[in-house]
Amino acid sequence: MRRLLFPLLVLLTVALAALLAWLWWSDYILVDKCLDAGGLWNAGTRICELQVTTIRP
């Protein structure tokens, strides 16, 4: 049982590291946060563009 556990743990660690690297490299999290805030993601400049409005009393 122990011989099977170590390769499985290594495979799981590598898969998790690959997923985290992909999320960081693809800007997935940044794009998602930008869109949730109501902004527009500019992929060319990798910037979230938000429209600023002022409310006057």
C-alpha atoms as a PDB file:
ATOM      1  CA  MET A   1       0.000   0.000   0.000  1.00  0.00           C
ATOM      2  CA  ARG A   2       2.815   2.368   0.858  1.00  0.00           C
ATOM      3  CA  ARG A   3       4.471   1.822  -2.545  1.00  0.00           C
ATOM      4  CA  LEU A   4       1.311   3.018  -4.270  1.00  0.00           C
ATOM      5  CA  LEU A   5       0.784   6.031  -2.017  1.00  0.00           C
ATOM      6  CA  PHE A   6       4.041   7.855  -2.788  1.00  0.00           C
ATOM      7  CA  PRO A   7       3.648   8.042  -6.605  1.00  0.00           C
ATOM      8  CA  LEU A   8       0.021   9.077  -6.153  1.00  0.00           C
ATOM      9  CA  LEU A   9       1.069  11.872  -3.800  1.00  0.00           C
ATOM     10  CA  VAL A  10       3.746  13.052  -6.242  1.00  0.00           C
ATOM     11  CA  LEU A  11       1.249  13.028  -9.114  1.00  0.00           C
ATOM     12  CA  LEU A  12      -1.280  14.992  -7.085  1.00  0.00           C
ATOM     13  CA  THR A  13       1.356  17.581  -6.107  1.00  0.00           C
ATOM     14  CA  VAL A  14       2.488  18.017  -9.707  1.00  0.00           C
ATOM     15  CA  ALA A  15      -1.112  18.381 -10.912  1.00  0.00           C
ATOM     16  CA  LEU A  16      -1.859  21.007  -8.268  1.00  0.00           C
ATOM     17  CA  ALA A  17       1.303  22.942  -9.114  1.00  0.00           C
ATOM     18  CA  ALA A  18       0.424  22.843 -12.824  1.00  0.00           C
ATOM     19  CA  LEU A  19      -3.079  24.140 -12.120  1.00  0.00           C
ATOM     20  CA  LEU A  20      -1.781  27.005  -9.996  1.00  0.00           C
ATOM     21  CA  ALA A  21       0.833  27.902 -12.615  1.00  0.00           C
ATOM     22  CA  TRP A  22      -1.835  27.937 -15.345  1.00  0.00           C
ATOM     23  CA  LEU A  23      -4.129  30.176 -13.284  1.00  0.00           C
ATOM     24  CA  TRP A  24      -1.266  32.627 -12.673  1.00  0.00           C
ATOM     25  CA  TRP A  25      -0.001  32.601 -16.262  1.00  0.00           C
ATOM     26  CA  SER A  26      -3.393  32.951 -17.928  1.00  0.00           C
ATOM     27  CA  ASP A  27      -4.603  35.907 -15.803  1.00  0.00           C
ATOM     28  CA  TYR A  28      -7.803  33.935 -15.173  1.00  0.00           C
ATOM     29  CA  ILE A  29      -8.169  35.205 -11.616  1.00  0.00           C
ATOM     30  CA  LEU A  30      -7.473  38.826 -12.580  1.00  0.00           C
ATOM     31  CA  VAL A  31      -9.994  38.724 -15.429  1.00  0.00           C
ATOM     32  CA  ASP A  32     -12.625  37.152 -13.190  1.00  0.00           C
ATOM     33  CA  LYS A  33     -12.174  39.784 -10.470  1.00  0.00           C
ATOM     34  CA  CYS A  34     -12.288  42.573 -13.062  1.00  0.00           C
ATOM     35  CA  LEU A  35     -15.528  41.335 -14.576  1.00  0.00           C
ATOM     36  CA  ASP A  36     -17.066  40.784 -11.137  1.00  0.00           C
ATOM     37  CA  ALA A  37     -16.336  44.427 -10.306  1.00  0.00           C
ATOM     38  CA  GLY A  38     -18.147  45.564 -13.460  1.00  0.00           C
ATOM     39  CA  GLY A  39     -15.037  46.456 -15.418  1.00  0.00           C
ATOM     40  CA  LEU A  40     -13.787  45.631 -18.877  1.00  0.00           C
ATOM     41  CA  TRP A  41     -10.614  43.550 -19.268  1.00  0.00           C
ATOM     42  CA  ASN A  42      -8.179  44.952 -21.848  1.00  0.00           C
ATOM     43  CA  ALA A  43      -6.157  41.912 -22.906  1.00  0.00           C
ATOM     44  CA  GLY A  44      -3.635  43.926 -24.911  1.00  0.00           C
ATOM     45  CA  THR A  45      -2.471  45.934 -21.925  1.00  0.00           C
ATOM     46  CA  ARG A  46      -3.588  43.419 -19.256  1.00  0.00           C
ATOM     47  CA  ILE A  47      -5.459  46.176 -17.414  1.00  0.00           C
ATOM     48  CA  CYS A  48      -8.939  46.270 -15.898  1.00  0.00           C
ATOM     49  CA  GLU A  49     -10.776  49.353 -17.117  1.00  0.00           C
ATOM     50  CA  LEU A  50     -13.391  50.637 -14.681  1.00  0.00           C
ATOM     51  CA  GLN A  51     -15.765  53.489 -15.300  1.00  0.00           C
ATOM     52  CA  VAL A  52     -15.633  55.943 -12.418  1.00  0.00           C
ATOM     53  CA  THR A  53     -18.807  57.816 -11.571  1.00  0.00           C
ATOM     54  CA  THR A  54     -19.284  60.576  -9.058  1.00  0.00           C
ATOM     55  CA  ILE A  55     -22.480  60.881  -7.068  1.00  0.00           C
ATOM     56  CA  ARG A  56     -23.229  64.387  -5.877  1.00  0.00           C
ATOM     57  CA  PRO A  57     -25.737  65.063  -3.120  1.00  0.00           C
END
